[in-house]
Amino acid sequence: MSQVKRFRISGEIRKRGENLPFLKEFNAVKSDDAVENLYADIGSRHKARRFEIRVQKVEEVSMGGEQA
């Protein structure tokens, strides 16, 4: 059975000559699934195409969030 993990994805969106940084978290089974969810989410919210979205880092984080 597959275990759902939480992934934190950081990068930037290139729109109108500007680089807009982002940091998003998604629940997914694999990191590739999380990146696909990111493309769908940012594409629908910001009307950005895949080539305008640059993923810089994908990391797995604990499901409970960060501990202080």
N, C-alpha and C. Protein backbone atom coordinates (compact mmCIF):
# COMPACT_ATOMS: atom_id res chain seq x y z
N MET A 1 0.84 -1.18 0.00
CA MET A 1 0.00 0.00 0.00
C MET A 1 0.88 1.24 0.00
N SER A 2 0.48 2.25 -0.72
CA SER A 2 1.27 3.48 -0.86
C SER A 2 1.04 4.40 0.33
N GLN A 3 2.12 5.06 0.71
CA GLN A 3 2.07 6.00 1.82
C GLN A 3 2.08 7.42 1.28
N VAL A 4 1.14 8.24 1.72
CA VAL A 4 1.07 9.64 1.28
C VAL A 4 2.09 10.44 2.06
N LYS A 5 2.85 11.28 1.36
CA LYS A 5 3.88 12.11 1.96
C LYS A 5 3.58 13.57 1.66
N ARG A 6 4.25 14.46 2.35
CA ARG A 6 4.09 15.90 2.13
C ARG A 6 5.37 16.42 1.50
N PHE A 7 5.21 17.17 0.40
CA PHE A 7 6.36 17.72 -0.32
C PHE A 7 6.28 19.23 -0.34
N ARG A 8 7.42 19.87 -0.10
CA ARG A 8 7.53 21.33 -0.19
C ARG A 8 8.28 21.64 -1.48
N ILE A 9 7.66 22.47 -2.32
CA ILE A 9 8.23 22.80 -3.63
C ILE A 9 8.48 24.31 -3.67
N SER A 10 9.68 24.69 -4.04
CA SER A 10 10.00 26.11 -4.19
C SER A 10 10.49 26.36 -5.61
N GLY A 11 10.29 27.59 -6.05
CA GLY A 11 10.70 27.96 -7.39
C GLY A 11 10.24 29.35 -7.72
N GLU A 12 10.05 29.60 -9.02
CA GLU A 12 9.61 30.92 -9.44
C GLU A 12 8.75 30.82 -10.70
N ILE A 13 7.89 31.83 -10.85
CA ILE A 13 7.03 31.94 -12.03
C ILE A 13 7.55 33.14 -12.83
N ARG A 14 7.75 32.96 -14.11
CA ARG A 14 8.19 34.06 -14.98
C ARG A 14 6.98 34.59 -15.72
N LYS A 15 6.51 35.77 -15.30
CA LYS A 15 5.38 36.42 -15.96
C LYS A 15 5.74 37.86 -16.26
N ARG A 16 5.54 38.28 -17.49
CA ARG A 16 5.76 39.66 -17.92
C ARG A 16 7.15 40.18 -17.55
N GLY A 17 8.15 39.36 -17.69
CA GLY A 17 9.52 39.78 -17.41
C GLY A 17 9.88 39.79 -15.94
N GLU A 18 8.97 39.40 -15.07
CA GLU A 18 9.25 39.36 -13.63
C GLU A 18 9.38 37.92 -13.17
N ASN A 19 10.21 37.71 -12.16
CA ASN A 19 10.31 36.41 -11.51
C ASN A 19 9.60 36.49 -10.17
N LEU A 20 8.51 35.75 -10.03
CA LEU A 20 7.73 35.75 -8.80
C LEU A 20 8.04 34.46 -8.04
N PRO A 21 8.70 34.56 -6.88
CA PRO A 21 9.03 33.35 -6.12
C PRO A 21 7.79 32.73 -5.47
N PHE A 22 7.83 31.41 -5.28
CA PHE A 22 6.74 30.73 -4.59
C PHE A 22 7.30 29.62 -3.72
N LEU A 23 6.51 29.23 -2.73
CA LEU A 23 6.79 28.10 -1.85
C LEU A 23 5.45 27.45 -1.55
N LYS A 24 5.25 26.22 -2.03
CA LYS A 24 3.96 25.53 -1.89
C LYS A 24 4.21 24.14 -1.31
N GLU A 25 3.21 23.61 -0.61
CA GLU A 25 3.26 22.26 -0.08
C GLU A 25 2.08 21.45 -0.61
N PHE A 26 2.36 20.21 -0.98
CA PHE A 26 1.35 19.31 -1.51
C PHE A 26 1.48 17.93 -0.89
N ASN A 27 0.36 17.25 -0.71
CA ASN A 27 0.35 15.85 -0.29
C ASN A 27 0.31 15.00 -1.55
N ALA A 28 1.20 14.01 -1.63
CA ALA A 28 1.25 13.13 -2.79
C ALA A 28 2.00 11.85 -2.42
N VAL A 29 1.89 10.85 -3.28
CA VAL A 29 2.60 9.60 -3.06
C VAL A 29 4.05 9.73 -3.52
N LYS A 30 4.27 10.39 -4.67
CA LYS A 30 5.62 10.57 -5.22
C LYS A 30 5.87 12.05 -5.46
N SER A 31 7.13 12.42 -5.55
CA SER A 31 7.47 13.82 -5.80
C SER A 31 6.99 14.26 -7.18
N ASP A 32 7.00 13.36 -8.15
CA ASP A 32 6.51 13.70 -9.49
C ASP A 32 5.03 14.07 -9.46
N ASP A 33 4.25 13.38 -8.65
CA ASP A 33 2.83 13.71 -8.51
C ASP A 33 2.64 15.08 -7.88
N ALA A 34 3.49 15.41 -6.91
CA ALA A 34 3.41 16.72 -6.26
C ALA A 34 3.73 17.84 -7.26
N VAL A 35 4.71 17.61 -8.12
CA VAL A 35 5.07 18.61 -9.13
C VAL A 35 3.93 18.78 -10.13
N GLU A 36 3.28 17.70 -10.52
CA GLU A 36 2.12 17.80 -11.41
C GLU A 36 1.01 18.61 -10.77
N ASN A 37 0.77 18.38 -9.47
CA ASN A 37 -0.24 19.17 -8.75
C ASN A 37 0.14 20.64 -8.72
N LEU A 38 1.42 20.92 -8.58
CA LEU A 38 1.90 22.31 -8.58
C LEU A 38 1.62 22.97 -9.92
N TYR A 39 1.95 22.31 -11.02
CA TYR A 39 1.69 22.87 -12.35
C TYR A 39 0.20 23.16 -12.53
N ALA A 40 -0.65 22.25 -12.10
CA ALA A 40 -2.10 22.44 -12.23
C ALA A 40 -2.57 23.61 -11.37
N ASP A 41 -2.08 23.70 -10.14
CA ASP A 41 -2.52 24.74 -9.21
C ASP A 41 -2.06 26.13 -9.68
N ILE A 42 -0.78 26.27 -9.96
CA ILE A 42 -0.27 27.58 -10.38
C ILE A 42 -0.81 27.96 -11.76
N GLY A 43 -0.95 26.98 -12.63
CA GLY A 43 -1.51 27.26 -13.95
C GLY A 43 -2.92 27.79 -13.88
N SER A 44 -3.72 27.23 -12.98
CA SER A 44 -5.11 27.69 -12.88
C SER A 44 -5.23 29.02 -12.12
N ARG A 45 -4.39 29.24 -11.13
CA ARG A 45 -4.48 30.48 -10.34
C ARG A 45 -3.86 31.68 -11.05
N HIS A 46 -2.74 31.45 -11.76
CA HIS A 46 -1.98 32.57 -12.33
C HIS A 46 -1.94 32.56 -13.86
N LYS A 47 -2.65 31.64 -14.48
CA LYS A 47 -2.66 31.50 -15.94
C LYS A 47 -1.24 31.34 -16.49
N ALA A 48 -0.43 30.60 -15.76
CA ALA A 48 0.96 30.37 -16.16
C ALA A 48 1.06 29.03 -16.88
N ARG A 49 1.85 29.00 -17.93
CA ARG A 49 2.10 27.74 -18.63
C ARG A 49 3.29 27.04 -18.00
N ARG A 50 3.46 25.78 -18.34
CA ARG A 50 4.53 25.00 -17.71
C ARG A 50 5.92 25.59 -17.94
N PHE A 51 6.17 26.15 -19.10
CA PHE A 51 7.50 26.69 -19.35
C PHE A 51 7.75 27.98 -18.57
N GLU A 52 6.70 28.59 -18.02
CA GLU A 52 6.85 29.79 -17.21
C GLU A 52 7.08 29.46 -15.73
N ILE A 53 6.90 28.20 -15.37
CA ILE A 53 7.07 27.77 -13.98
C ILE A 53 8.40 27.05 -13.87
N ARG A 54 9.28 27.56 -13.03
CA ARG A 54 10.60 26.94 -12.83
C ARG A 54 10.66 26.36 -11.42
N VAL A 55 10.73 25.04 -11.32
CA VAL A 55 10.84 24.36 -10.03
C VAL A 55 12.32 24.30 -9.67
N GLN A 56 12.66 24.83 -8.49
CA GLN A 56 14.06 24.86 -8.08
C GLN A 56 14.38 23.76 -7.08
N LYS A 57 13.42 23.45 -6.19
CA LYS A 57 13.71 22.46 -5.16
C LYS A 57 12.44 21.74 -4.75
N VAL A 58 12.54 20.41 -4.62
CA VAL A 58 11.44 19.59 -4.11
C VAL A 58 12.01 18.81 -2.93
N GLU A 59 11.38 18.96 -1.76
CA GLU A 59 11.86 18.24 -0.59
C GLU A 59 10.68 17.65 0.17
N GLU A 60 10.92 16.49 0.78
CA GLU A 60 9.89 15.85 1.59
C GLU A 60 9.95 16.42 3.00
N VAL A 61 8.79 16.75 3.55
CA VAL A 61 8.70 17.27 4.91
C VAL A 61 7.78 16.37 5.72
N SER A 62 7.86 16.47 7.03
CA SER A 62 7.02 15.64 7.87
C SER A 62 5.56 16.10 7.76
N MET A 63 4.63 15.21 7.93
CA MET A 63 3.20 15.52 7.78
C MET A 63 2.71 16.47 8.86
N GLY A 64 3.34 16.50 10.02
CA GLY A 64 2.91 17.35 11.10
C GLY A 64 3.41 18.78 10.95
N GLY A 65 4.14 19.08 9.89
CA GLY A 65 4.72 20.41 9.73
C GLY A 65 6.08 20.47 10.37
N GLU A 66 6.63 21.65 10.44
CA GLU A 66 7.95 21.82 11.03
C GLU A 66 7.84 21.87 12.54
N GLN A 67 8.85 21.36 13.19
CA GLN A 67 8.88 21.42 14.65
C GLN A 67 9.76 22.56 15.09
N ALA A 68 9.33 23.26 16.14
CA ALA A 68 10.09 24.42 16.62
C ALA A 68 11.18 24.00 17.58
